[in-house]
């Protein structure tokens, strides 16, 4: 997750190198509603680690999303929920 005084910035996926524009965690954590949409069995292990609060989940940027005055919605298909 990007850390700065900015609203957004360019981030690079660690495995693929794909560049993308991302909002900073500060902006996301000040949102009233944050929605994660997750599909596919390839995400199942990560979803299980995140939602069960396993120590390894701290390696994922999504673990830093903790709204100060808002809610998080998780929309997960059956395949992504495989280990839950």
PDB file of N, CA and C in Angstrom:
ATOM      1  N   UNK A   1       0.852  -1.171   0.000  1.00  0.00           N
ATOM      2  CA  UNK A   1       0.000   0.000   0.000  1.00  0.00           C
ATOM      3  C   UNK A   1       0.893   1.227   0.000  1.00  0.00           C
ATOM      4  N   UNK A   2       0.505   2.221  -0.740  1.00  0.00           N
ATOM      5  CA  UNK A   2       1.282   3.443  -0.828  1.00  0.00           C
ATOM      6  C   UNK A   2       1.197   4.216   0.479  1.00  0.00           C
ATOM      7  N   UNK A   3       2.289   4.802   0.886  1.00  0.00           N
ATOM      8  CA  UNK A   3       2.305   5.591   2.110  1.00  0.00           C
ATOM      9  C   UNK A   3       2.853   6.975   1.776  1.00  0.00           C
ATOM     10  N   UNK A   4       2.008   7.987   1.905  1.00  0.00           N
ATOM     11  CA  UNK A   4       2.431   9.345   1.613  1.00  0.00           C
ATOM     12  C   UNK A   4       1.312  10.283   2.010  1.00  0.00           C
ATOM     13  N   UNK A   5       1.514  11.569   1.771  1.00  0.00           N
ATOM     14  CA  UNK A   5       0.458  12.534   2.004  1.00  0.00           C
ATOM     15  C   UNK A   5      -0.447  12.674   0.793  1.00  0.00           C
ATOM     16  N   UNK A   6      -0.253  11.849  -0.215  1.00  0.00           N
ATOM     17  CA  UNK A   6      -1.025  11.929  -1.453  1.00  0.00           C
ATOM     18  C   UNK A   6      -2.334  11.171  -1.358  1.00  0.00           C
ATOM     19  N   UNK A   7      -3.235  11.490  -2.261  1.00  0.00           N
ATOM     20  CA  UNK A   7      -4.519  10.786  -2.358  1.00  0.00           C
ATOM     21  C   UNK A   7      -4.354   9.477  -3.109  1.00  0.00           C
ATOM     22  N   UNK A   8      -3.521   9.498  -4.142  1.00  0.00           N
ATOM     23  CA  UNK A   8      -3.303   8.307  -4.966  1.00  0.00           C
ATOM     24  C   UNK A   8      -1.879   8.325  -5.492  1.00  0.00           C
ATOM     25  N   UNK A   9      -1.467   7.191  -6.011  1.00  0.00           N
ATOM     26  CA  UNK A   9      -0.139   7.097  -6.588  1.00  0.00           C
ATOM     27  C   UNK A   9      -0.035   5.866  -7.459  1.00  0.00           C
ATOM     28  N   UNK A  10       1.078   5.729  -8.123  1.00  0.00           N
ATOM     29  CA  UNK A  10       1.321   4.573  -8.976  1.00  0.00           C
ATOM     30  C   UNK A  10       1.934   3.470  -8.126  1.00  0.00           C
ATOM     31  N   UNK A  11       1.351   2.299  -8.200  1.00  0.00           N
ATOM     32  CA  UNK A  11       1.863   1.124  -7.501  1.00  0.00           C
ATOM     33  C   UNK A  11       2.211   0.072  -8.544  1.00  0.00           C
ATOM     34  N   UNK A  12       3.079  -0.841  -8.166  1.00  0.00           N
ATOM     35  CA  UNK A  12       3.476  -1.907  -9.075  1.00  0.00           C
ATOM     36  C   UNK A  12       3.245  -3.244  -8.397  1.00  0.00           C
ATOM     37  N   UNK A  13       2.555  -4.145  -9.104  1.00  0.00           N
ATOM     38  CA  UNK A  13       2.291  -5.471  -8.568  1.00  0.00           C
ATOM     39  C   UNK A  13       3.628  -6.189  -8.376  1.00  0.00           C
ATOM     40  N   UNK A  14       3.860  -6.756  -7.178  1.00  0.00           N
ATOM     41  CA  UNK A  14       5.160  -7.371  -6.901  1.00  0.00           C
ATOM     42  C   UNK A  14       5.496  -8.588  -7.758  1.00  0.00           C
ATOM     43  N   UNK A  15       4.500  -9.336  -8.182  1.00  0.00           N
ATOM     44  CA  UNK A  15       4.779 -10.550  -8.962  1.00  0.00           C
ATOM     45  C   UNK A  15       4.796 -10.288 -10.465  1.00  0.00           C
ATOM     46  N   UNK A  16       3.820  -9.517 -10.947  1.00  0.00           N
ATOM     47  CA  UNK A  16       3.698  -9.334 -12.395  1.00  0.00           C
ATOM     48  C   UNK A  16       4.379  -8.072 -12.906  1.00  0.00           C
ATOM     49  N   UNK A  17       4.632  -7.125 -12.010  1.00  0.00           N
ATOM     50  CA  UNK A  17       5.222  -5.859 -12.423  1.00  0.00           C
ATOM     51  C   UNK A  17       4.224  -4.907 -13.055  1.00  0.00           C
ATOM     52  N   UNK A  18       2.967  -5.314 -13.137  1.00  0.00           N
ATOM     53  CA  UNK A  18       1.934  -4.474 -13.726  1.00  0.00           C
ATOM     54  C   UNK A  18       1.774  -3.199 -12.902  1.00  0.00           C
ATOM     55  N   UNK A  19       1.745  -2.057 -13.590  1.00  0.00           N
ATOM     56  CA  UNK A  19       1.551  -0.780 -12.905  1.00  0.00           C
ATOM     57  C   UNK A  19       0.065  -0.467 -12.835  1.00  0.00           C
ATOM     58  N   UNK A  20      -0.310   0.183 -11.743  1.00  0.00           N
ATOM     59  CA  UNK A  20      -1.699   0.573 -11.556  1.00  0.00           C
ATOM     60  C   UNK A  20      -1.772   1.803 -10.675  1.00  0.00           C
ATOM     61  N   UNK A  21      -2.880   2.486 -10.738  1.00  0.00           N
ATOM     62  CA  UNK A  21      -3.104   3.636  -9.873  1.00  0.00           C
ATOM     63  C   UNK A  21      -3.894   3.144  -8.671  1.00  0.00           C
ATOM     64  N   UNK A  22      -3.415   3.489  -7.473  1.00  0.00           N
ATOM     65  CA  UNK A  22      -4.076   3.043  -6.246  1.00  0.00           C
ATOM     66  C   UNK A  22      -4.323   4.224  -5.324  1.00  0.00           C
ATOM     67  N   UNK A  23      -5.463   4.194  -4.642  1.00  0.00           N
ATOM     68  CA  UNK A  23      -5.692   5.143  -3.566  1.00  0.00           C
ATOM     69  C   UNK A  23      -4.799   4.754  -2.397  1.00  0.00           C
ATOM     70  N   UNK A  24      -4.390   5.731  -1.605  1.00  0.00           N
ATOM     71  CA  UNK A  24      -3.559   5.425  -0.440  1.00  0.00           C
ATOM     72  C   UNK A  24      -4.414   4.814   0.669  1.00  0.00           C
ATOM     73  N   UNK A  25      -3.761   4.112   1.583  1.00  0.00           N
ATOM     74  CA  UNK A  25      -4.510   3.500   2.682  1.00  0.00           C
ATOM     75  C   UNK A  25      -5.161   4.564   3.554  1.00  0.00           C
ATOM     76  N   UNK A  26      -4.547   5.739   3.647  1.00  0.00           N
ATOM     77  CA  UNK A  26      -5.149   6.815   4.440  1.00  0.00           C
ATOM     78  C   UNK A  26      -6.494   7.229   3.857  1.00  0.00           C
ATOM     79  N   UNK A  27      -6.567   7.343   2.545  1.00  0.00           N
ATOM     80  CA  UNK A  27      -7.839   7.688   1.886  1.00  0.00           C
ATOM     81  C   UNK A  27      -8.846   6.564   2.086  1.00  0.00           C
ATOM     82  N   UNK A  28      -8.432   5.337   1.843  1.00  0.00           N
ATOM     83  CA  UNK A  28      -9.347   4.204   1.996  1.00  0.00           C
ATOM     84  C   UNK A  28      -9.854   4.084   3.436  1.00  0.00           C
ATOM     85  N   UNK A  29      -8.971   4.262   4.410  1.00  0.00           N
ATOM     86  CA  UNK A  29      -9.371   4.118   5.807  1.00  0.00           C
ATOM     87  C   UNK A  29     -10.277   5.253   6.286  1.00  0.00           C
ATOM     88  N   UNK A  30     -10.377   6.322   5.517  1.00  0.00           N
ATOM     89  CA  UNK A  30     -11.303   7.407   5.839  1.00  0.00           C
ATOM     90  C   UNK A  30     -12.599   7.317   5.050  1.00  0.00           C
ATOM     91  N   UNK A  31     -12.782   6.234   4.335  1.00  0.00           N
ATOM     92  CA  UNK A  31     -14.005   6.026   3.552  1.00  0.00           C
ATOM     93  C   UNK A  31     -15.129   5.519   4.447  1.00  0.00           C
ATOM     94  N   UNK A  32     -16.345   5.820   4.064  1.00  0.00           N
ATOM     95  CA  UNK A  32     -17.516   5.329   4.808  1.00  0.00           C
ATOM     96  C   UNK A  32     -17.800   3.868   4.499  1.00  0.00           C
ATOM     97  N   UNK A  33     -17.486   3.430   3.286  1.00  0.00           N
ATOM     98  CA  UNK A  33     -17.707   2.039   2.902  1.00  0.00           C
ATOM     99  C   UNK A  33     -16.591   1.594   1.968  1.00  0.00           C
ATOM    100  N   UNK A  34     -16.018   0.436   2.274  1.00  0.00           N
ATOM    101  CA  UNK A  34     -14.965  -0.156   1.460  1.00  0.00           C
ATOM    102  C   UNK A  34     -15.469  -1.529   1.035  1.00  0.00           C
ATOM    103  N   UNK A  35     -15.431  -1.793  -0.246  1.00  0.00           N
ATOM    104  CA  UNK A  35     -15.915  -3.073  -0.765  1.00  0.00           C
ATOM    105  C   UNK A  35     -14.789  -3.808  -1.471  1.00  0.00           C
ATOM    106  N   UNK A  36     -14.569  -5.038  -1.044  1.00  0.00           N
ATOM    107  CA  UNK A  36     -13.642  -5.938  -1.712  1.00  0.00           C
ATOM    108  C   UNK A  36     -14.474  -6.928  -2.511  1.00  0.00           C
ATOM    109  N   UNK A  37     -14.156  -7.088  -3.783  1.00  0.00           N
ATOM    110  CA  UNK A  37     -14.813  -8.071  -4.637  1.00  0.00           C
ATOM    111  C   UNK A  37     -13.735  -9.063  -5.050  1.00  0.00           C
ATOM    112  N   UNK A  38     -13.917 -10.329  -4.646  1.00  0.00           N
ATOM    113  CA  UNK A  38     -12.873 -11.329  -4.856  1.00  0.00           C
ATOM    114  C   UNK A  38     -13.481 -12.541  -5.540  1.00  0.00           C
ATOM    115  N   UNK A  39     -12.851 -12.972  -6.644  1.00  0.00           N
ATOM    116  CA  UNK A  39     -13.347 -14.132  -7.371  1.00  0.00           C
ATOM    117  C   UNK A  39     -12.210 -15.098  -7.681  1.00  0.00           C
ATOM    118  N   UNK A  40     -12.547 -16.355  -7.741  1.00  0.00           N
ATOM    119  CA  UNK A  40     -11.613 -17.373  -8.202  1.00  0.00           C
ATOM    120  C   UNK A  40     -10.881 -18.112  -7.105  1.00  0.00           C
ATOM    121  N   UNK A  41     -10.652 -19.391  -7.361  1.00  0.00           N
ATOM    122  CA  UNK A  41      -9.983 -20.258  -6.391  1.00  0.00           C
ATOM    123  C   UNK A  41      -8.541 -19.836  -6.136  1.00  0.00           C
ATOM    124  N   UNK A  42      -7.918 -19.145  -7.089  1.00  0.00           N
ATOM    125  CA  UNK A  42      -6.534 -18.708  -6.891  1.00  0.00           C
ATOM    126  C   UNK A  42      -6.410 -17.705  -5.748  1.00  0.00           C
ATOM    127  N   UNK A  43      -7.510 -17.110  -5.337  1.00  0.00           N
ATOM    128  CA  UNK A  43      -7.498 -16.146  -4.226  1.00  0.00           C
ATOM    129  C   UNK A  43      -7.917 -16.781  -2.896  1.00  0.00           C
ATOM    130  N   UNK A  44      -8.325 -18.041  -2.915  1.00  0.00           N
ATOM    131  CA  UNK A  44      -8.904 -18.680  -1.731  1.00  0.00           C
ATOM    132  C   UNK A  44      -7.960 -18.698  -0.529  1.00  0.00           C
ATOM    133  N   UNK A  45      -6.704 -19.017  -0.739  1.00  0.00           N
ATOM    134  CA  UNK A  45      -5.752 -19.093   0.380  1.00  0.00           C
ATOM    135  C   UNK A  45      -5.567 -17.720   1.020  1.00  0.00           C
ATOM    136  N   UNK A  46      -5.390 -16.701   0.199  1.00  0.00           N
ATOM    137  CA  UNK A  46      -5.199 -15.345   0.716  1.00  0.00           C
ATOM    138  C   UNK A  46      -6.442 -14.874   1.470  1.00  0.00           C
ATOM    139  N   UNK A  47      -7.622 -15.124   0.918  1.00  0.00           N
ATOM    140  CA  UNK A  47      -8.861 -14.730   1.590  1.00  0.00           C
ATOM    141  C   UNK A  47      -8.972 -15.416   2.947  1.00  0.00           C
ATOM    142  N   UNK A  48      -8.663 -16.683   3.007  1.00  0.00           N
ATOM    143  CA  UNK A  48      -8.706 -17.417   4.274  1.00  0.00           C
ATOM    144  C   UNK A  48      -7.741 -16.806   5.281  1.00  0.00           C
ATOM    145  N   UNK A  49      -6.537 -16.507   4.847  1.00  0.00           N
ATOM    146  CA  UNK A  49      -5.535 -15.912   5.747  1.00  0.00           C
ATOM    147  C   UNK A  49      -5.984 -14.542   6.246  1.00  0.00           C
ATOM    148  N   UNK A  50      -6.516 -13.721   5.344  1.00  0.00           N
ATOM    149  CA  UNK A  50      -6.973 -12.385   5.727  1.00  0.00           C
ATOM    150  C   UNK A  50      -8.149 -12.434   6.694  1.00  0.00           C
ATOM    151  N   UNK A  51      -9.185 -13.177   6.329  1.00  0.00           N
ATOM    152  CA  UNK A  51     -10.401 -13.161   7.130  1.00  0.00           C
ATOM    153  C   UNK A  51     -10.269 -13.929   8.442  1.00  0.00           C
ATOM    154  N   UNK A  52      -9.296 -14.822   8.523  1.00  0.00           N
ATOM    155  CA  UNK A  52      -9.040 -15.520   9.788  1.00  0.00           C
ATOM    156  C   UNK A  52      -7.967 -14.826  10.621  1.00  0.00           C
ATOM    157  N   UNK A  53      -7.440 -13.706  10.124  1.00  0.00           N
ATOM    158  CA  UNK A  53      -6.469 -12.914  10.877  1.00  0.00           C
ATOM    159  C   UNK A  53      -5.148 -13.613  11.130  1.00  0.00           C
ATOM    160  N   UNK A  54      -4.735 -14.504  10.236  1.00  0.00           N
ATOM    161  CA  UNK A  54      -3.470 -15.213  10.417  1.00  0.00           C
ATOM    162  C   UNK A  54      -2.295 -14.236  10.300  1.00  0.00           C
ATOM    163  N   UNK A  55      -1.203 -14.478  11.023  1.00  0.00           N
ATOM    164  CA  UNK A  55      -0.056 -13.559  10.975  1.00  0.00           C
ATOM    165  C   UNK A  55       0.454 -13.273   9.563  1.00  0.00           C
ATOM    166  N   UNK A  56       0.411 -14.257   8.673  1.00  0.00           N
ATOM    167  CA  UNK A  56       0.887 -14.056   7.303  1.00  0.00           C
ATOM    168  C   UNK A  56       0.065 -12.996   6.570  1.00  0.00           C
ATOM    169  N   UNK A  57      -1.166 -12.751   7.015  1.00  0.00           N
ATOM    170  CA  UNK A  57      -2.021 -11.782   6.331  1.00  0.00           C
ATOM    171  C   UNK A  57      -1.447 -10.370   6.376  1.00  0.00           C
ATOM    172  N   UNK A  58      -0.534 -10.111   7.292  1.00  0.00           N
ATOM    173  CA  UNK A  58       0.110  -8.792   7.364  1.00  0.00           C
ATOM    174  C   UNK A  58       0.957  -8.513   6.120  1.00  0.00           C
ATOM    175  N   UNK A  59       1.242  -9.544   5.320  1.00  0.00           N
ATOM    176  CA  UNK A  59       1.989  -9.375   4.073  1.00  0.00           C
ATOM    177  C   UNK A  59       1.124  -8.797   2.956  1.00  0.00           C
ATOM    178  N   UNK A  60      -0.179  -8.731   3.144  1.00  0.00           N
ATOM    179  CA  UNK A  60      -1.089  -8.296   2.102  1.00  0.00           C
ATOM    180  C   UNK A  60      -1.573  -6.876   2.378  1.00  0.00           C
ATOM    181  N   UNK A  61      -1.535  -6.005   1.381  1.00  0.00           N
ATOM    182  CA  UNK A  61      -1.999  -4.630   1.579  1.00  0.00           C
ATOM    183  C   UNK A  61      -3.425  -4.545   2.136  1.00  0.00           C
ATOM    184  N   UNK A  62      -4.287  -5.477   1.795  1.00  0.00           N
ATOM    185  CA  UNK A  62      -5.668  -5.441   2.290  1.00  0.00           C
ATOM    186  C   UNK A  62      -5.729  -5.498   3.814  1.00  0.00           C
ATOM    187  N   UNK A  63      -4.700  -6.061   4.450  1.00  0.00           N
ATOM    188  CA  UNK A  63      -4.697  -6.142   5.918  1.00  0.00           C
ATOM    189  C   UNK A  63      -4.547  -4.766   6.562  1.00  0.00           C
ATOM    190  N   UNK A  64      -4.094  -3.783   5.800  1.00  0.00           N
ATOM    191  CA  UNK A  64      -3.919  -2.428   6.327  1.00  0.00           C
ATOM    192  C   UNK A  64      -5.181  -1.587   6.203  1.00  0.00           C
ATOM    193  N   UNK A  65      -6.220  -2.137   5.625  1.00  0.00           N
ATOM    194  CA  UNK A  65      -7.469  -1.404   5.463  1.00  0.00           C
ATOM    195  C   UNK A  65      -8.331  -1.642   6.695  1.00  0.00           C
ATOM    196  N   UNK A  66      -8.396  -0.593   7.516  1.00  0.00           N
ATOM    197  CA  UNK A  66      -9.161  -0.615   8.768  1.00  0.00           C
ATOM    198  C   UNK A  66      -9.842   0.738   8.903  1.00  0.00           C
ATOM    199  N   UNK A  67     -11.052   0.867   8.384  1.00  0.00           N
ATOM    200  CA  UNK A  67     -11.708   2.171   8.378  1.00  0.00           C
ATOM    201  C   UNK A  67     -11.885   2.747   9.779  1.00  0.00           C
ATOM    202  N   UNK A  68     -11.636   4.058   9.893  1.00  0.00           N
ATOM    203  CA  UNK A  68     -11.770   4.722  11.185  1.00  0.00           C
ATOM    204  C   UNK A  68     -13.230   4.929  11.565  1.00  0.00           C
ATOM    205  N   UNK A  69     -14.089   5.127  10.583  1.00  0.00           N
ATOM    206  CA  UNK A  69     -15.509   5.343  10.845  1.00  0.00           C
ATOM    207  C   UNK A  69     -16.326   4.855   9.649  1.00  0.00           C
ATOM    208  N   UNK A  70     -16.137   3.604   9.299  1.00  0.00           N
ATOM    209  CA  UNK A  70     -16.826   3.055   8.137  1.00  0.00           C
ATOM    210  C   UNK A  70     -16.902   1.547   8.236  1.00  0.00           C
ATOM    211  N   UNK A  71     -17.353   0.931   7.178  1.00  0.00           N
ATOM    212  CA  UNK A  71     -17.495  -0.527   7.179  1.00  0.00           C
ATOM    213  C   UNK A  71     -16.802  -1.127   5.963  1.00  0.00           C
ATOM    214  N   UNK A  72     -16.481  -2.404   6.082  1.00  0.00           N
ATOM    215  CA  UNK A  72     -15.890  -3.160   4.981  1.00  0.00           C
ATOM    216  C   UNK A  72     -16.885  -4.235   4.556  1.00  0.00           C
ATOM    217  N   UNK A  73     -17.124  -4.304   3.260  1.00  0.00           N
ATOM    218  CA  UNK A  73     -17.933  -5.374   2.670  1.00  0.00           C
ATOM    219  C   UNK A  73     -16.992  -6.316   1.936  1.00  0.00           C
ATOM    220  N   UNK A  74     -17.191  -7.618   2.115  1.00  0.00           N
ATOM    221  CA  UNK A  74     -16.456  -8.629   1.368  1.00  0.00           C
ATOM    222  C   UNK A  74     -17.458  -9.361   0.495  1.00  0.00           C
ATOM    223  N   UNK A  75     -17.303  -9.264  -0.803  1.00  0.00           N
ATOM    224  CA  UNK A  75     -18.126  -9.998  -1.750  1.00  0.00           C
ATOM    225  C   UNK A  75     -17.218 -11.042  -2.387  1.00  0.00           C
ATOM    226  N   UNK A  76     -17.465 -12.298  -2.030  1.00  0.00           N
ATOM    227  CA  UNK A  76     -16.558 -13.389  -2.387  1.00  0.00           C
ATOM    228  C   UNK A  76     -17.367 -14.500  -3.056  1.00  0.00           C
ATOM    229  N   UNK A  77     -16.887 -14.966  -4.187  1.00  0.00           N
ATOM    230  CA  UNK A  77     -17.587 -16.079  -4.818  1.00  0.00           C
ATOM    231  C   UNK A  77     -17.238 -17.396  -4.109  1.00  0.00           C
ATOM    232  N   UNK A  78     -17.956 -18.446  -4.482  1.00  0.00           N
ATOM    233  CA  UNK A  78     -17.797 -19.750  -3.829  1.00  0.00           C
ATOM    234  C   UNK A  78     -16.366 -20.268  -3.942  1.00  0.00           C
ATOM    235  N   UNK A  79     -15.735 -20.063  -5.084  1.00  0.00           N
ATOM    236  CA  UNK A  79     -14.354 -20.552  -5.275  1.00  0.00           C
ATOM    237  C   UNK A  79     -13.358 -19.807  -4.382  1.00  0.00           C
ATOM    238  N   UNK A  80     -13.510 -18.490  -4.261  1.00  0.00           N
ATOM    239  CA  UNK A  80     -12.604 -17.709  -3.414  1.00  0.00           C
ATOM    240  C   UNK A  80     -12.821 -18.019  -1.932  1.00  0.00           C
ATOM    241  N   UNK A  81     -14.011 -18.499  -1.591  1.00  0.00           N
ATOM    242  CA  UNK A  81     -14.334 -18.847  -0.207  1.00  0.00           C
ATOM    243  C   UNK A  81     -14.029 -20.312   0.112  1.00  0.00           C
ATOM    244  N   UNK A  82     -13.340 -20.996  -0.753  1.00  0.00           N
ATOM    245  CA  UNK A  82     -13.108 -22.434  -0.647  1.00  0.00           C
ATOM    246  C   UNK A  82     -12.599 -22.869   0.736  1.00  0.00           C
ATOM    247  N   UNK A  83     -11.681 -22.114   1.353  1.00  0.00           N
ATOM    248  CA  UNK A  83     -11.090 -22.512   2.632  1.00  0.00           C
ATOM    249  C   UNK A  83     -11.797 -21.925   3.846  1.00  0.00           C
ATOM    250  N   UNK A  84     -12.875 -21.232   3.634  1.00  0.00           N
ATOM    251  CA  UNK A  84     -13.595 -20.629   4.775  1.00  0.00           C
ATOM    252  C   UNK A  84     -14.617 -21.582   5.345  1.00  0.00           C
TER     253      UNK A  84
END
